[in-house]
Amino acid sequence: MIAALLLALGTATAPADAAAPVALAPPPADRGQYAAWSESVATEACTPGPVHTPAPAYPYTAMRNDASGRVVLGLFINRCGDVRDAWVMESSGSRDIDRAAVRAALKWKASPPADGAATATARVAIDFDLAPEG
């Protein structure tokens, strides 16, 4: 699963003199303001860093209910690779699993847009499976 995420998001390395990350404003709850916010993301100060996409924690309630599934997320990424917004494109069928995936993705650092664009979107699938691997 993690290998697929890293493959989907790519890899990057941090500059040796990377400054501390800048606190970023969250997306507005009002979708009417979202376009203005996304334009401001294109010019915000940010610090490139290494790709960091840890797996989401498997929600206790989902484990207790033997819930599993695949969540497909949409990600909005700024020019430094910060995931600035995440949303469910395809639900796993479990609200707990979907929420865990979004919460984790909002903490990720992805590869910056390859074409040098100020922002990019990506589609990432995350599997939650209780079956043992093998």
Protein backbone atom coordinates (compact mmCIF):
# COMPACT_ATOMS: atom_id res chain seq x y z
CA MET A 1 0.00 0.00 0.00
CA ILE A 2 2.69 2.51 0.98
CA ALA A 3 4.74 1.59 -2.09
CA ALA A 4 1.73 2.35 -4.27
CA LEU A 5 1.30 5.72 -2.57
CA LEU A 6 4.93 6.61 -3.02
CA LEU A 7 4.80 5.48 -6.63
CA ALA A 8 1.66 7.51 -7.23
CA LEU A 9 3.08 10.62 -5.56
CA GLY A 10 6.70 10.28 -6.66
CA THR A 11 9.79 11.10 -4.65
CA ALA A 12 11.68 14.25 -3.72
CA THR A 13 14.55 15.24 -1.50
CA ALA A 14 14.78 18.12 0.93
CA PRO A 15 17.31 20.86 0.39
CA ALA A 16 20.10 20.83 2.95
CA ASP A 17 19.11 24.24 4.29
CA ALA A 18 15.34 23.70 4.40
CA ALA A 19 13.61 26.10 6.76
CA ALA A 20 10.88 25.09 9.18
CA PRO A 21 7.50 24.49 7.53
CA VAL A 22 5.20 27.49 7.24
CA ALA A 23 1.76 27.27 8.88
CA LEU A 24 -0.80 27.07 6.10
CA ALA A 25 -4.42 28.21 6.20
CA PRO A 26 -6.98 25.40 5.80
CA PRO A 27 -9.47 25.45 2.93
CA PRO A 28 -12.64 27.41 3.65
CA ALA A 29 -15.76 25.51 4.61
CA ASP A 30 -17.76 27.73 2.25
CA ARG A 31 -17.26 26.36 -1.27
CA GLY A 32 -18.05 29.82 -2.64
CA GLN A 33 -14.74 31.02 -1.20
CA TYR A 34 -12.81 27.95 -2.37
CA ALA A 35 -11.76 29.41 -5.75
CA ALA A 36 -10.20 32.47 -4.08
CA TRP A 37 -8.49 30.27 -1.50
CA SER A 38 -7.05 27.95 -4.16
CA GLU A 39 -5.68 30.98 -6.04
CA SER A 40 -4.01 32.20 -2.84
CA VAL A 41 -2.43 28.76 -2.35
CA ALA A 42 -0.60 29.30 -5.64
CA THR A 43 1.30 32.27 -4.18
CA GLU A 44 1.67 31.30 -0.50
CA ALA A 45 5.08 30.93 1.09
CA CYS A 46 6.01 27.29 1.51
CA THR A 47 9.03 25.09 2.01
CA PRO A 48 9.82 22.10 -0.21
CA GLY A 49 10.71 18.95 1.64
CA PRO A 50 10.96 15.20 1.28
CA VAL A 51 7.94 13.13 0.31
CA HIS A 52 6.21 11.88 3.44
CA THR A 53 3.07 9.74 3.04
CA PRO A 54 2.56 7.63 6.16
CA ALA A 55 -0.27 5.12 6.10
CA PRO A 56 -3.47 6.20 7.81
CA ALA A 57 -4.27 4.66 11.17
CA TYR A 58 -6.85 1.91 10.84
CA PRO A 59 -9.86 3.22 12.79
CA TYR A 60 -10.67 1.16 15.87
CA THR A 61 -14.38 1.15 15.08
CA ALA A 62 -13.70 -0.13 11.56
CA MET A 63 -11.49 -2.93 12.93
CA ARG A 64 -14.08 -3.83 15.55
CA ASN A 65 -16.74 -4.08 12.82
CA ASP A 66 -14.41 -5.97 10.43
CA ALA A 67 -14.78 -3.11 7.95
CA SER A 68 -12.33 -2.89 5.09
CA GLY A 69 -12.28 -1.26 1.71
CA ARG A 70 -10.59 1.08 -0.72
CA VAL A 71 -10.86 4.86 -0.53
CA VAL A 72 -9.95 6.95 -3.54
CA LEU A 73 -8.95 10.47 -2.56
CA GLY A 74 -8.51 13.62 -4.53
CA LEU A 75 -5.62 15.78 -3.38
CA PHE A 76 -4.92 19.47 -3.98
CA ILE A 77 -1.15 20.02 -3.81
CA ASN A 78 0.75 23.30 -3.77
CA ARG A 79 4.07 24.00 -5.53
CA CYS A 80 6.07 22.74 -2.52
CA GLY A 81 4.23 19.42 -2.31
CA ASP A 82 2.01 20.29 0.68
CA VAL A 83 -1.35 18.55 0.47
CA ARG A 84 -3.63 21.54 0.99
CA ASP A 85 -6.97 19.75 0.60
CA ALA A 86 -8.16 16.15 0.40
CA TRP A 87 -11.60 14.78 -0.41
CA VAL A 88 -13.23 11.41 -0.99
CA MET A 89 -13.74 10.67 -4.68
CA GLU A 90 -14.82 7.06 -4.13
CA SER A 91 -15.96 5.94 -0.70
CA SER A 92 -14.93 2.70 0.95
CA GLY A 93 -18.46 2.36 2.24
CA SER A 94 -17.26 3.11 5.77
CA ARG A 95 -17.40 6.67 7.07
CA ASP A 96 -14.67 5.90 9.63
CA ILE A 97 -12.27 4.58 6.99
CA ASP A 98 -12.97 7.51 4.67
CA ARG A 99 -12.33 10.03 7.47
CA ALA A 100 -9.09 8.32 8.52
CA ALA A 101 -7.80 8.45 4.95
CA VAL A 102 -8.60 12.16 4.57
CA ARG A 103 -7.07 13.01 7.98
CA ALA A 104 -3.85 11.23 7.06
CA ALA A 105 -3.62 12.73 3.57
CA LEU A 106 -3.89 16.26 4.93
CA LYS A 107 -0.59 15.66 6.76
CA TRP A 108 1.26 14.30 3.73
CA LYS A 109 4.06 15.92 1.78
CA ALA A 110 3.88 14.90 -1.88
CA SER A 111 6.09 15.59 -4.86
CA PRO A 112 5.67 19.13 -6.13
CA PRO A 113 3.84 19.46 -9.45
CA ALA A 114 6.20 18.05 -12.08
CA ASP A 115 5.57 20.78 -14.64
CA GLY A 116 6.48 23.57 -12.21
CA ALA A 117 2.85 24.61 -11.83
CA ALA A 118 1.78 26.49 -8.71
CA THR A 119 -0.79 23.81 -7.81
CA ALA A 120 -1.83 20.36 -8.94
CA THR A 121 -4.41 17.72 -8.19
CA ALA A 122 -3.77 14.01 -7.76
CA ARG A 123 -5.86 10.87 -7.34
CA VAL A 124 -4.66 8.30 -4.77
CA ALA A 125 -6.19 4.98 -3.71
CA ILE A 126 -5.71 3.71 -0.16
CA ASP A 127 -6.57 0.14 0.83
CA PHE A 128 -7.75 -0.81 4.32
CA ASP A 129 -7.66 -4.59 4.59
CA LEU A 130 -7.85 -6.70 7.73
CA ALA A 131 -6.81 -9.88 5.90
CA PRO A 132 -3.23 -10.97 6.59
CA GLU A 133 -0.83 -10.37 3.73
CA GLY A 134 0.70 -13.36 2.08
